[in-house]
Amino acid sequence: MSATSPAAKKDKKFRGVVVINRETCKGCAFCVEFCPLGALELESDYNAKGYHPPFLAKPELCNGCDMCGHFCPDFSIYGYREKLEQVAA
């Protein structure tokens, strides 16, 4: 069963969330490089310091592993897992 199949999505119990402080980011792109799932990209816009901060380009891929946060030298980004509510059928 592939990760994008409807059955796989139905069984998913959490989603990844990424929090980014755009203004403290210096655009080093470590978070983008070390994201194991390729969920992050750099924005085309600049922050107040003149850098391109990251954004969650593919939220469906993020698993909240926080690798982005582990490698950020400025603590401008972190990830976490958010539990999905179980909907009774």
PDB file of N, CA and C in Angstrom:
ATOM      1  N   MET A   1       0.848  -1.175   0.000  1.00  0.00           N
ATOM      2  CA  MET A   1       0.000   0.000   0.000  1.00  0.00           C
ATOM      3  C   MET A   1       0.897   1.243   0.000  1.00  0.00           C
ATOM      4  N   SER A   2       0.686   2.144  -0.922  1.00  0.00           N
ATOM      5  CA  SER A   2       1.516   3.342  -1.002  1.00  0.00           C
ATOM      6  C   SER A   2       1.088   4.354   0.048  1.00  0.00           C
ATOM      7  N   ALA A   3       2.001   5.277   0.365  1.00  0.00           N
ATOM      8  CA  ALA A   3       1.730   6.283   1.391  1.00  0.00           C
ATOM      9  C   ALA A   3       0.655   7.269   0.958  1.00  0.00           C
ATOM     10  N   THR A   4       0.372   7.336  -0.334  1.00  0.00           N
ATOM     11  CA  THR A   4      -0.626   8.288  -0.813  1.00  0.00           C
ATOM     12  C   THR A   4      -1.982   7.647  -1.074  1.00  0.00           C
ATOM     13  N   SER A   5      -2.100   6.366  -0.817  1.00  0.00           N
ATOM     14  CA  SER A   5      -3.384   5.710  -1.054  1.00  0.00           C
ATOM     15  C   SER A   5      -4.406   6.158  -0.015  1.00  0.00           C
ATOM     16  N   PRO A   6      -5.692   6.140  -0.360  1.00  0.00           N
ATOM     17  CA  PRO A   6      -6.727   6.552   0.600  1.00  0.00           C
ATOM     18  C   PRO A   6      -6.700   5.739   1.891  1.00  0.00           C
ATOM     19  N   ALA A   7      -6.383   4.463   1.797  1.00  0.00           N
ATOM     20  CA  ALA A   7      -6.334   3.628   2.999  1.00  0.00           C
ATOM     21  C   ALA A   7      -5.203   4.061   3.922  1.00  0.00           C
ATOM     22  N   ALA A   8      -4.075   4.441   3.351  1.00  0.00           N
ATOM     23  CA  ALA A   8      -2.938   4.889   4.165  1.00  0.00           C
ATOM     24  C   ALA A   8      -3.281   6.185   4.883  1.00  0.00           C
ATOM     25  N   LYS A   9      -3.967   7.103   4.210  1.00  0.00           N
ATOM     26  CA  LYS A   9      -4.353   8.357   4.842  1.00  0.00           C
ATOM     27  C   LYS A   9      -5.373   8.123   5.945  1.00  0.00           C
ATOM     28  N   LYS A  10      -6.245   7.161   5.769  1.00  0.00           N
ATOM     29  CA  LYS A  10      -7.269   6.860   6.764  1.00  0.00           C
ATOM     30  C   LYS A  10      -6.638   6.375   8.066  1.00  0.00           C
ATOM     31  N   ASP A  11      -5.541   5.641   7.976  1.00  0.00           N
ATOM     32  CA  ASP A  11      -4.885   5.085   9.149  1.00  0.00           C
ATOM     33  C   ASP A  11      -3.946   6.074   9.841  1.00  0.00           C
ATOM     34  N   LYS A  12      -3.713   7.225   9.259  1.00  0.00           N
ATOM     35  CA  LYS A  12      -2.780   8.188   9.827  1.00  0.00           C
ATOM     36  C   LYS A  12      -3.334   8.750  11.133  1.00  0.00           C
ATOM     37  N   LYS A  13      -2.534   8.698  12.182  1.00  0.00           N
ATOM     38  CA  LYS A  13      -2.986   9.110  13.506  1.00  0.00           C
ATOM     39  C   LYS A  13      -2.453  10.481  13.920  1.00  0.00           C
ATOM     40  N   PHE A  14      -1.535  11.041  13.149  1.00  0.00           N
ATOM     41  CA  PHE A  14      -0.988  12.356  13.458  1.00  0.00           C
ATOM     42  C   PHE A  14      -0.588  13.052  12.168  1.00  0.00           C
ATOM     43  N   ARG A  15      -0.345  14.342  12.294  1.00  0.00           N
ATOM     44  CA  ARG A  15       0.189  15.098  11.163  1.00  0.00           C
ATOM     45  C   ARG A  15       1.379  15.902  11.658  1.00  0.00           C
ATOM     46  N   GLY A  16       2.282  16.174  10.770  1.00  0.00           N
ATOM     47  CA  GLY A  16       3.437  16.980  11.113  1.00  0.00           C
ATOM     48  C   GLY A  16       3.111  18.461  11.022  1.00  0.00           C
ATOM     49  N   VAL A  17       3.618  19.217  11.980  1.00  0.00           N
ATOM     50  CA  VAL A  17       3.427  20.665  12.014  1.00  0.00           C
ATOM     51  C   VAL A  17       4.808  21.303  12.109  1.00  0.00           C
ATOM     52  N   VAL A  18       5.020  22.368  11.358  1.00  0.00           N
ATOM     53  CA  VAL A  18       6.284  23.095  11.405  1.00  0.00           C
ATOM     54  C   VAL A  18       5.993  24.536  11.796  1.00  0.00           C
ATOM     55  N   VAL A  19       6.744  25.035  12.774  1.00  0.00           N
ATOM     56  CA  VAL A  19       6.622  26.420  13.219  1.00  0.00           C
ATOM     57  C   VAL A  19       7.895  27.145  12.796  1.00  0.00           C
ATOM     58  N   ILE A  20       7.725  28.265  12.096  1.00  0.00           N
ATOM     59  CA  ILE A  20       8.866  29.000  11.557  1.00  0.00           C
ATOM     60  C   ILE A  20       8.808  30.447  12.028  1.00  0.00           C
ATOM     61  N   ASN A  21       9.912  30.923  12.588  1.00  0.00           N
ATOM     62  CA  ASN A  21      10.044  32.336  12.920  1.00  0.00           C
ATOM     63  C   ASN A  21      10.784  32.981  11.750  1.00  0.00           C
ATOM     64  N   ARG A  22      10.038  33.556  10.834  1.00  0.00           N
ATOM     65  CA  ARG A  22      10.602  34.115   9.599  1.00  0.00           C
ATOM     66  C   ARG A  22      11.646  35.197   9.869  1.00  0.00           C
ATOM     67  N   GLU A  23      11.446  35.974  10.905  1.00  0.00           N
ATOM     68  CA  GLU A  23      12.312  37.134  11.123  1.00  0.00           C
ATOM     69  C   GLU A  23      13.663  36.792  11.740  1.00  0.00           C
ATOM     70  N   THR A  24      13.783  35.657  12.408  1.00  0.00           N
ATOM     71  CA  THR A  24      15.093  35.285  12.957  1.00  0.00           C
ATOM     72  C   THR A  24      15.872  34.373  12.016  1.00  0.00           C
ATOM     73  N   CYS A  25      15.220  33.918  10.963  1.00  0.00           N
ATOM     74  CA  CYS A  25      15.862  33.022   9.993  1.00  0.00           C
ATOM     75  C   CYS A  25      16.894  33.783   9.171  1.00  0.00           C
ATOM     76  N   LYS A  26      18.048  33.149   8.957  1.00  0.00           N
ATOM     77  CA  LYS A  26      19.078  33.763   8.117  1.00  0.00           C
ATOM     78  C   LYS A  26      19.232  33.059   6.772  1.00  0.00           C
ATOM     79  N   GLY A  27      18.288  32.201   6.440  1.00  0.00           N
ATOM     80  CA  GLY A  27      18.255  31.593   5.116  1.00  0.00           C
ATOM     81  C   GLY A  27      19.369  30.617   4.812  1.00  0.00           C
ATOM     82  N   CYS A  28      19.904  29.951   5.815  1.00  0.00           N
ATOM     83  CA  CYS A  28      21.015  29.019   5.585  1.00  0.00           C
ATOM     84  C   CYS A  28      20.569  27.758   4.843  1.00  0.00           C
ATOM     85  N   ALA A  29      19.286  27.443   4.908  1.00  0.00           N
ATOM     86  CA  ALA A  29      18.676  26.294   4.221  1.00  0.00           C
ATOM     87  C   ALA A  29      19.077  24.941   4.801  1.00  0.00           C
ATOM     88  N   PHE A  30      19.649  24.913   6.001  1.00  0.00           N
ATOM     89  CA  PHE A  30      19.945  23.623   6.632  1.00  0.00           C
ATOM     90  C   PHE A  30      18.663  22.820   6.818  1.00  0.00           C
ATOM     91  N   CYS A  31      17.592  23.492   7.199  1.00  0.00           N
ATOM     92  CA  CYS A  31      16.314  22.805   7.414  1.00  0.00           C
ATOM     93  C   CYS A  31      15.831  22.141   6.127  1.00  0.00           C
ATOM     94  N   VAL A  32      15.989  22.829   5.020  1.00  0.00           N
ATOM     95  CA  VAL A  32      15.571  22.288   3.724  1.00  0.00           C
ATOM     96  C   VAL A  32      16.444  21.086   3.355  1.00  0.00           C
ATOM     97  N   GLU A  33      17.738  21.226   3.540  1.00  0.00           N
ATOM     98  CA  GLU A  33      18.677  20.158   3.184  1.00  0.00           C
ATOM     99  C   GLU A  33      18.505  18.908   4.038  1.00  0.00           C
ATOM    100  N   PHE A  34      18.215  19.092   5.324  1.00  0.00           N
ATOM    101  CA  PHE A  34      18.152  17.952   6.233  1.00  0.00           C
ATOM    102  C   PHE A  34      16.754  17.394   6.447  1.00  0.00           C
ATOM    103  N   CYS A  35      15.747  17.974   5.818  1.00  0.00           N
ATOM    104  CA  CYS A  35      14.395  17.413   5.915  1.00  0.00           C
ATOM    105  C   CYS A  35      14.396  16.076   5.178  1.00  0.00           C
ATOM    106  N   PRO A  36      14.194  14.976   5.896  1.00  0.00           N
ATOM    107  CA  PRO A  36      14.300  13.664   5.249  1.00  0.00           C
ATOM    108  C   PRO A  36      13.195  13.382   4.235  1.00  0.00           C
ATOM    109  N   LEU A  37      12.110  14.141   4.300  1.00  0.00           N
ATOM    110  CA  LEU A  37      10.988  13.889   3.399  1.00  0.00           C
ATOM    111  C   LEU A  37      10.830  14.950   2.315  1.00  0.00           C
ATOM    112  N   GLY A  38      11.677  15.970   2.334  1.00  0.00           N
ATOM    113  CA  GLY A  38      11.619  17.004   1.305  1.00  0.00           C
ATOM    114  C   GLY A  38      10.388  17.887   1.386  1.00  0.00           C
ATOM    115  N   ALA A  39       9.912  18.141   2.597  1.00  0.00           N
ATOM    116  CA  ALA A  39       8.680  18.914   2.769  1.00  0.00           C
ATOM    117  C   ALA A  39       8.907  20.424   2.773  1.00  0.00           C
ATOM    118  N   LEU A  40      10.145  20.868   2.981  1.00  0.00           N
ATOM    119  CA  LEU A  40      10.441  22.300   3.091  1.00  0.00           C
ATOM    120  C   LEU A  40      11.102  22.849   1.834  1.00  0.00           C
ATOM    121  N   GLU A  41      10.840  24.121   1.574  1.00  0.00           N
ATOM    122  CA  GLU A  41      11.508  24.867   0.507  1.00  0.00           C
ATOM    123  C   GLU A  41      11.746  26.280   1.011  1.00  0.00           C
ATOM    124  N   LEU A  42      12.614  27.016   0.332  1.00  0.00           N
ATOM    125  CA  LEU A  42      12.836  28.414   0.687  1.00  0.00           C
ATOM    126  C   LEU A  42      11.833  29.294  -0.049  1.00  0.00           C
ATOM    127  N   GLU A  43      11.328  30.298   0.655  1.00  0.00           N
ATOM    128  CA  GLU A  43      10.402  31.254   0.047  1.00  0.00           C
ATOM    129  C   GLU A  43      11.128  32.094  -0.993  1.00  0.00           C
ATOM    130  N   SER A  44      10.389  32.639  -1.924  1.00  0.00           N
ATOM    131  CA  SER A  44      10.988  33.579  -2.873  1.00  0.00           C
ATOM    132  C   SER A  44      11.015  34.986  -2.277  1.00  0.00           C
ATOM    133  N   ASP A  45      10.156  35.242  -1.278  1.00  0.00           N
ATOM    134  CA  ASP A  45      10.136  36.541  -0.599  1.00  0.00           C
ATOM    135  C   ASP A  45      11.258  36.623   0.427  1.00  0.00           C
ATOM    136  N   TYR A  46      11.590  37.841   0.806  1.00  0.00           N
ATOM    137  CA  TYR A  46      12.634  38.092   1.795  1.00  0.00           C
ATOM    138  C   TYR A  46      12.024  38.421   3.153  1.00  0.00           C
ATOM    139  N   ASN A  47      12.754  38.111   4.221  1.00  0.00           N
ATOM    140  CA  ASN A  47      12.345  38.577   5.542  1.00  0.00           C
ATOM    141  C   ASN A  47      12.963  39.960   5.770  1.00  0.00           C
ATOM    142  N   ALA A  48      12.791  40.530   6.953  1.00  0.00           N
ATOM    143  CA  ALA A  48      13.284  41.881   7.240  1.00  0.00           C
ATOM    144  C   ALA A  48      14.807  41.982   7.155  1.00  0.00           C
ATOM    145  N   LYS A  49      15.497  40.856   7.343  1.00  0.00           N
ATOM    146  CA  LYS A  49      16.959  40.852   7.273  1.00  0.00           C
ATOM    147  C   LYS A  49      17.480  40.644   5.850  1.00  0.00           C
ATOM    148  N   GLY A  50      16.576  40.381   4.922  1.00  0.00           N
ATOM    149  CA  GLY A  50      16.979  40.181   3.537  1.00  0.00           C
ATOM    150  C   GLY A  50      17.275  38.742   3.162  1.00  0.00           C
ATOM    151  N   TYR A  51      16.799  37.798   3.965  1.00  0.00           N
ATOM    152  CA  TYR A  51      17.022  36.378   3.701  1.00  0.00           C
ATOM    153  C   TYR A  51      15.727  35.703   3.255  1.00  0.00           C
ATOM    154  N   HIS A  52      15.882  34.576   2.603  1.00  0.00           N
ATOM    155  CA  HIS A  52      14.739  33.762   2.187  1.00  0.00           C
ATOM    156  C   HIS A  52      14.462  32.714   3.263  1.00  0.00           C
ATOM    157  N   PRO A  53      13.403  32.865   4.049  1.00  0.00           N
ATOM    158  CA  PRO A  53      13.089  31.849   5.058  1.00  0.00           C
ATOM    159  C   PRO A  53      12.409  30.634   4.424  1.00  0.00           C
ATOM    160  N   PRO A  54      12.382  29.524   5.135  1.00  0.00           N
ATOM    161  CA  PRO A  54      11.718  28.331   4.603  1.00  0.00           C
ATOM    162  C   PRO A  54      10.206  28.403   4.782  1.00  0.00           C
ATOM    163  N   PHE A  55       9.523  27.529   4.075  1.00  0.00           N
ATOM    164  CA  PHE A  55       8.095  27.333   4.293  1.00  0.00           C
ATOM    165  C   PHE A  55       7.782  25.865   4.045  1.00  0.00           C
ATOM    166  N   LEU A  56       6.676  25.422   4.580  1.00  0.00           N
ATOM    167  CA  LEU A  56       6.261  24.030   4.436  1.00  0.00           C
ATOM    168  C   LEU A  56       5.566  23.884   3.088  1.00  0.00           C
ATOM    169  N   ALA A  57       6.338  23.547   2.075  1.00  0.00           N
ATOM    170  CA  ALA A  57       5.836  23.469   0.706  1.00  0.00           C
ATOM    171  C   ALA A  57       4.956  22.243   0.482  1.00  0.00           C
ATOM    172  N   LYS A  58       5.248  21.173   1.202  1.00  0.00           N
ATOM    173  CA  LYS A  58       4.496  19.922   1.027  1.00  0.00           C
ATOM    174  C   LYS A  58       4.053  19.404   2.393  1.00  0.00           C
ATOM    175  N   PRO A  59       3.028  20.030   2.978  1.00  0.00           N
ATOM    176  CA  PRO A  59       2.604  19.646   4.331  1.00  0.00           C
ATOM    177  C   PRO A  59       2.168  18.191   4.450  1.00  0.00           C
ATOM    178  N   GLU A  60       1.699  17.616   3.363  1.00  0.00           N
ATOM    179  CA  GLU A  60       1.268  16.215   3.413  1.00  0.00           C
ATOM    180  C   GLU A  60       2.439  15.261   3.633  1.00  0.00           C
ATOM    181  N   LEU A  61       3.660  15.718   3.361  1.00  0.00           N
ATOM    182  CA  LEU A  61       4.842  14.878   3.564  1.00  0.00           C
ATOM    183  C   LEU A  61       5.417  14.982   4.973  1.00  0.00           C
ATOM    184  N   CYS A  62       5.163  16.083   5.642  1.00  0.00           N
ATOM    185  CA  CYS A  62       5.775  16.324   6.954  1.00  0.00           C
ATOM    186  C   CYS A  62       5.249  15.334   7.991  1.00  0.00           C
ATOM    187  N   ASN A  63       6.180  14.732   8.743  1.00  0.00           N
ATOM    188  CA  ASN A  63       5.780  13.809   9.808  1.00  0.00           C
ATOM    189  C   ASN A  63       6.108  14.364  11.196  1.00  0.00           C
ATOM    190  N   GLY A  64       6.564  15.611  11.260  1.00  0.00           N
ATOM    191  CA  GLY A  64       6.840  16.244  12.549  1.00  0.00           C
ATOM    192  C   GLY A  64       8.082  15.725  13.242  1.00  0.00           C
ATOM    193  N   CYS A  65       9.043  15.232  12.499  1.00  0.00           N
ATOM    194  CA  CYS A  65      10.238  14.615  13.088  1.00  0.00           C
ATOM    195  C   CYS A  65      11.169  15.622  13.766  1.00  0.00           C
ATOM    196  N   ASP A  66      11.069  16.894  13.426  1.00  0.00           N
ATOM    197  CA  ASP A  66      11.880  17.991  13.969  1.00  0.00           C
ATOM    198  C   ASP A  66      13.345  17.947  13.545  1.00  0.00           C
ATOM    199  N   MET A  67      13.652  17.283  12.452  1.00  0.00           N
ATOM    200  CA  MET A  67      15.025  17.345  11.946  1.00  0.00           C
ATOM    201  C   MET A  67      15.365  18.778  11.552  1.00  0.00           C
ATOM    202  N   CYS A  68      14.391  19.510  11.050  1.00  0.00           N
ATOM    203  CA  CYS A  68      14.614  20.911  10.684  1.00  0.00           C
ATOM    204  C   CYS A  68      15.076  21.711  11.901  1.00  0.00           C
ATOM    205  N   GLY A  69      14.427  21.494  13.025  1.00  0.00           N
ATOM    206  CA  GLY A  69      14.778  22.202  14.246  1.00  0.00           C
ATOM    207  C   GLY A  69      16.122  21.789  14.814  1.00  0.00           C
ATOM    208  N   HIS A  70      16.460  20.521  14.673  1.00  0.00           N
ATOM    209  CA  HIS A  70      17.742  20.041  15.194  1.00  0.00           C
ATOM    210  C   HIS A  70      18.929  20.682  14.484  1.00  0.00           C
ATOM    211  N   PHE A  71      18.762  20.995  13.214  1.00  0.00           N
ATOM    212  CA  PHE A  71      19.876  21.532  12.439  1.00  0.00           C
ATOM    213  C   PHE A  71      19.870  23.048  12.306  1.00  0.00           C
ATOM    214  N   CYS A  72      18.823  23.716  12.768  1.00  0.00           N
ATOM    215  CA  CYS A  72      18.753  25.176  12.644  1.00  0.00           C
ATOM    216  C   CYS A  72      19.684  25.838  13.657  1.00  0.00           C
ATOM    217  N   PRO A  73      20.688  26.577  13.188  1.00  0.00           N
ATOM    218  CA  PRO A  73      21.626  27.214  14.120  1.00  0.00           C
ATOM    219  C   PRO A  73      21.018  28.389  14.884  1.00  0.00           C
ATOM    220  N   ASP A  74      19.889  28.895  14.429  1.00  0.00           N
ATOM    221  CA  ASP A  74      19.263  30.054  15.071  1.00  0.00           C
ATOM    222  C   ASP A  74      17.959  29.720  15.787  1.00  0.00           C
ATOM    223  N   PHE A  75      17.607  28.446  15.863  1.00  0.00           N
ATOM    224  CA  PHE A  75      16.369  28.010  16.522  1.00  0.00           C
ATOM    225  C   PHE A  75      15.150  28.727  15.943  1.00  0.00           C
ATOM    226  N   SER A  76      15.164  28.915  14.632  1.00  0.00           N
ATOM    227  CA  SER A  76      14.089  29.628  13.951  1.00  0.00           C
ATOM    228  C   SER A  76      12.985  28.712  13.448  1.00  0.00           C
ATOM    229  N   ILE A  77      13.158  27.418  13.616  1.00  0.00           N
ATOM    230  CA  ILE A  77      12.184  26.466  13.096  1.00  0.00           C
ATOM    231  C   ILE A  77      12.150  25.239  13.998  1.00  0.00           C
ATOM    232  N   TYR A  78      10.981  24.659  14.127  1.00  0.00           N
ATOM    233  CA  TYR A  78      10.870  23.365  14.803  1.00  0.00           C
ATOM    234  C   TYR A  78       9.628  22.649  14.301  1.00  0.00           C
ATOM    235  N   GLY A  79       9.650  21.358  14.428  1.00  0.00           N
ATOM    236  CA  GLY A  79       8.522  20.544  14.009  1.00  0.00           C
ATOM    237  C   GLY A  79       8.014  19.707  15.162  1.00  0.00           C
ATOM    238  N   TYR A  80       6.757  19.347  15.084  1.00  0.00           N
ATOM    239  CA  TYR A  80       6.168  18.457  16.085  1.00  0.00           C
ATOM    240  C   TYR A  80       5.006  17.704  15.468  1.00  0.00           C
ATOM    241  N   ARG A  81       4.556  16.690  16.179  1.00  0.00           N
ATOM    242  CA  ARG A  81       3.440  15.870  15.710  1.00  0.00           C
ATOM    243  C   ARG A  81       2.168  16.271  16.434  1.00  0.00           C
ATOM    244  N   GLU A  82       1.126  16.453  15.653  1.00  0.00           N
ATOM    245  CA  GLU A  82      -0.175  16.808  16.203  1.00  0.00           C
ATOM    246  C   GLU A  82      -1.118  15.631  15.988  1.00  0.00           C
ATOM    247  N   LYS A  83      -1.701  15.172  17.069  1.00  0.00           N
ATOM    248  CA  LYS A  83      -2.606  14.030  16.994  1.00  0.00           C
ATOM    249  C   LYS A  83      -3.877  14.426  16.258  1.00  0.00           C
ATOM    250  N   LEU A  84      -4.286  13.581  15.339  1.00  0.00           N
ATOM    251  CA  LEU A  84      -5.530  13.814  14.613  1.00  0.00           C
ATOM    252  C   LEU A  84      -6.692  13.260  15.423  1.00  0.00           C
ATOM    253  N   GLU A  85      -7.788  13.972  15.400  1.00  0.00           N
ATOM    254  CA  GLU A  85      -8.984  13.524  16.118  1.00  0.00           C
ATOM    255  C   GLU A  85      -9.573  12.314  15.410  1.00  0.00           C
ATOM    256  N   GLN A  86      -9.981  11.363  16.192  1.00  0.00           N
ATOM    257  CA  GLN A  86     -10.636  10.190  15.634  1.00  0.00           C
ATOM    258  C   GLN A  86     -12.114  10.524  15.421  1.00  0.00           C
ATOM    259  N   VAL A  87     -12.569  10.365  14.207  1.00  0.00           N
ATOM    260  CA  VAL A  87     -13.956  10.660  13.873  1.00  0.00           C
ATOM    261  C   VAL A  87     -14.738   9.357  13.890  1.00  0.00           C
ATOM    262  N   ALA A  88     -15.769   9.318  14.709  1.00  0.00           N
ATOM    263  CA  ALA A  88     -16.607   8.114  14.791  1.00  0.00           C
ATOM    264  C   ALA A  88     -17.494   8.038  13.554  1.00  0.00           C
ATOM    265  N   ALA A  89     -17.528   6.879  12.950  1.00  0.00           N
ATOM    266  CA  ALA A  89     -18.329   6.717  11.728  1.00  0.00           C
ATOM    267  C   ALA A  89     -19.738   6.298  12.053  1.00  0.00           C
TER     268      ALA A  89
END
